[in-house]
Amino acid sequence: MDNIVWTASPQGDEATLAINMEGPLFSYAAPGSVPCAIAGPVFEIDNALVEPDFAAIRAAGVKELGGGITERRFVADYRGLEGLALTIVVRTAAASPVVRFRYILADTADRKLTKRTTGRDAIEYASFTAAQEARVTEVRLSDFNHLLNCYRPTETTLPAYAFENDLTAPGPILASVSGAGAFLMAYEHGSTLPNTFFEYRLAPDRRVTLAAVKANYFHNRSLKEQPFESVWFDFAAIKGTADGSTDGLAAVFRKFLLEHITPHAASRKPFVSLNTWGFQERSKWLDGAGFLDALEQDRLLEEIDAAHRAGIETFVIDVGWFNSAGDWRPHPLYPEGFKPIRERLDRYGMKLGVWIHAAWAGNDSEVRQLAPEGAVSCGGEVWEGGPCFGCGTSRCSVMCVSSPYGPALAKVLVRVAREYEARYFKLDGVGQYHCDDPNHGHGGPDETVEERRDGYAYGVPIAIARIAEYISEACPGVVVDFDITEGGRSMGLAILATARYFLVNNGPYYQALEDIPFDAGKRGWNNVFVHPGPSRAHVLRYALDFDRWVPANLLLAHYLPLGDERSININLASVVLGQNGFWGGFTGLPGERLDLIGKTLADYREVRDDANAASAVRQGRTGCGFEVHERLNPASGRGLVSIFSNADTSFQAGDITPWPTVPLAPFVYVTERKAAAGSVHATRAAKVTQLPDGRARIEIEFDGLPDAAIVFFK
């Protein structure tokens, strides 16, 4: 068979995708775009580079995965290399121009992957040629900003000299746009830059090659004993623009992540959650109690009552709910287990979530019985410590998620989900360079310590994705979040096929601000933005910059439901923009404040699917002057507009003696998208006028102190 052709997107605009025996491996013809040609992989096998030269390609099965996603497999036999075969796994979704694929390389003659020709990883996964007139843009997702203590997206146009000088770009997304067409390629992995495991190599002839950098495989890996499996890759083609704008590709890729990458819909749906760690910290650092004191059963039941009144849907119990890490059963604080908590949540229709230290387990725990050899070993030493946060009496070990411990943890968490009806897991504590054990599958005795550590780091996002996939398959309604609230973790596209990221915790530490002395012994609480007011919300809203490419509801952040009415207004107007999380502490709020939050979140629930459907139109900079986030569904006009007045005229920069506030002129905003003409509700006095062209004109007055308002269009 010379090639295999099918219609990749049977709904909406039709696109034709071909798997070719000769020439480019993929040919992709999308309406409005020039056909795209993507060359297949090059491997070093037995010390020689093997090009994608095939004697035959055959279809090897079609499977409907659910959610409109179809998986097809093809097997390509290499010409002149009997027994060597490349399986190409392709996933497409109805109504999406994004194609997802990966490779499995296997052999019956015991050939081996090697690194002799370059001395490093020698795999080129795919390549394409960017048109001379095309604007090529790199999108990075894993630049960590220590001042914000948060990962930040970076979108950079690659100049001509980047190609002329054979430069590289880590990605993970690369876009090429011209008037003839717009093309995107991406890989699903994760790291913290500048550390990377993949890169795009640029050549003077405008050739772009996605290649391995390190730890994708090990020298002399037997393809018979251990077939090589790549990570997932993505490409898409749509109609281009002469100015090279990536807006169209960003919208397509965002929708792909939201609607078409996974059949597990639970993780894509926006829901409002509360995490108890916020009031646990305040209990420890402000009240002089302990982290666990705030989790006593009566205190939790009070918080559930208040959270229900405020409109919370998922109640997440953080550190301290368990008897022992690795057993993950309720702490003796709960003499009847989770029964009273479960009953209270059920009464309100709320879901239970729990915190899990994904890399910490008691030495006599359930998970250690399943994976006794899974403890991290670094430099020949096993990392051990006392009970996790004082829970239980068992000494604990740091665990390697790339070892058999990873699947064992997944099995234990499925048991937890079923036994306690937990519908949310927050997986915390997994860094990238913990383990160099030669018996865990991320490098053996023949590899150096550095290679084994790189192997572990390479495997972390893959292991976490597999854990999330296993849980989602066994318990379809469960949502898994992976904590990347610190630097040095695995940020990228790797887990977004099934799970989400917990992106921001409390923001920066005092230690990151060199000019502010910090005495840990005296101050204790080393986070800066842990108090009511606008500042913490400013920091968390910076993370909304991701929403252009990655939907905000896949990147959790927690806002404070505390302080005066202004503080609550600002935090409410922020949380409805998609991050959907509150740092616990509703107990003790006046009833009118709880009702304000509850009414606002009830309005939000009516429109949140529409608000989440498309990336926001934004005006103004985060934290500066007037700042607007317009989240209206272009298809329906439903959604919301959050308006922030960040100006504070009550003090002067030179001396902070308070001055009377300076009244601000009325702020007027006209929506870029058409707004629904049905029910319109604003959280503060506003004049909203429907314009003849379908847009809405919003006029609103603020005084000279920070505040915010939301206008809902239903």
Foldseek 3Di string as FASTA:
>chain_A
DAKDKDFQAPPDWTKIWMQGQDAARIWIGTPQADIWGKHAKWFQKPNRIDGSHFPDKDWDDWDDAALQKIKTWMWTHHPPQPFWIKIKIWIGGHPAQKIKIKIWIAGPVFIFGADPVPVFGDMWGMKGAADPLWWKKAWDFAAADQQFLFTAIDIDTDDLVCQVVFHKAQGQKMWIFAQNKIKIKGFAWFWHPPDHQWIWTHHNRRMTIIGGGHLQDDHGHTRHVPIRIGGMMMMGMDNGDHVNDCLVVLFSLQLCLQRPLANLNLQNDFFFEEEQQLVLVCCVQVVVHHSQVCVQPVNVLLLLVLVLLLPHAEYEYEPDQAQAAQQRFGAVSDVPTCVVVLVSCVVSNHAYEYEHALFKGFQPHPLCVVPVPFFAAAPNDWAWAATDSPRHGGIMTGGQLLASSLVSVLVSVLVVCVVSVHQEYEHDDDAQQGHQAQPRPQHHPVDDSVSSRNSSNRCVLVSVLVSQVSSCVSPSRHAYEYEPSHHRHTDDNHNSSGHAYATHEQTHFPVSVVVDDDDCVPNVDGGDRSDFDQPSLLSVCSRLVCCSRHFLQRHADAAELDDDPQSNQNRLLRCLLRNNYHHGDSPPDDSVSSNLSNVSVVLSVVQSVQLRSGRWDWDDDRLDAKIKTHRGRLVAQFDKMKIKGNAAQQADPVDGDGDDWAWDDKDKDKDPGAHAPDDKDKSDDWDWDQDPVRIIIITGTDIRHIGMMMIGGD
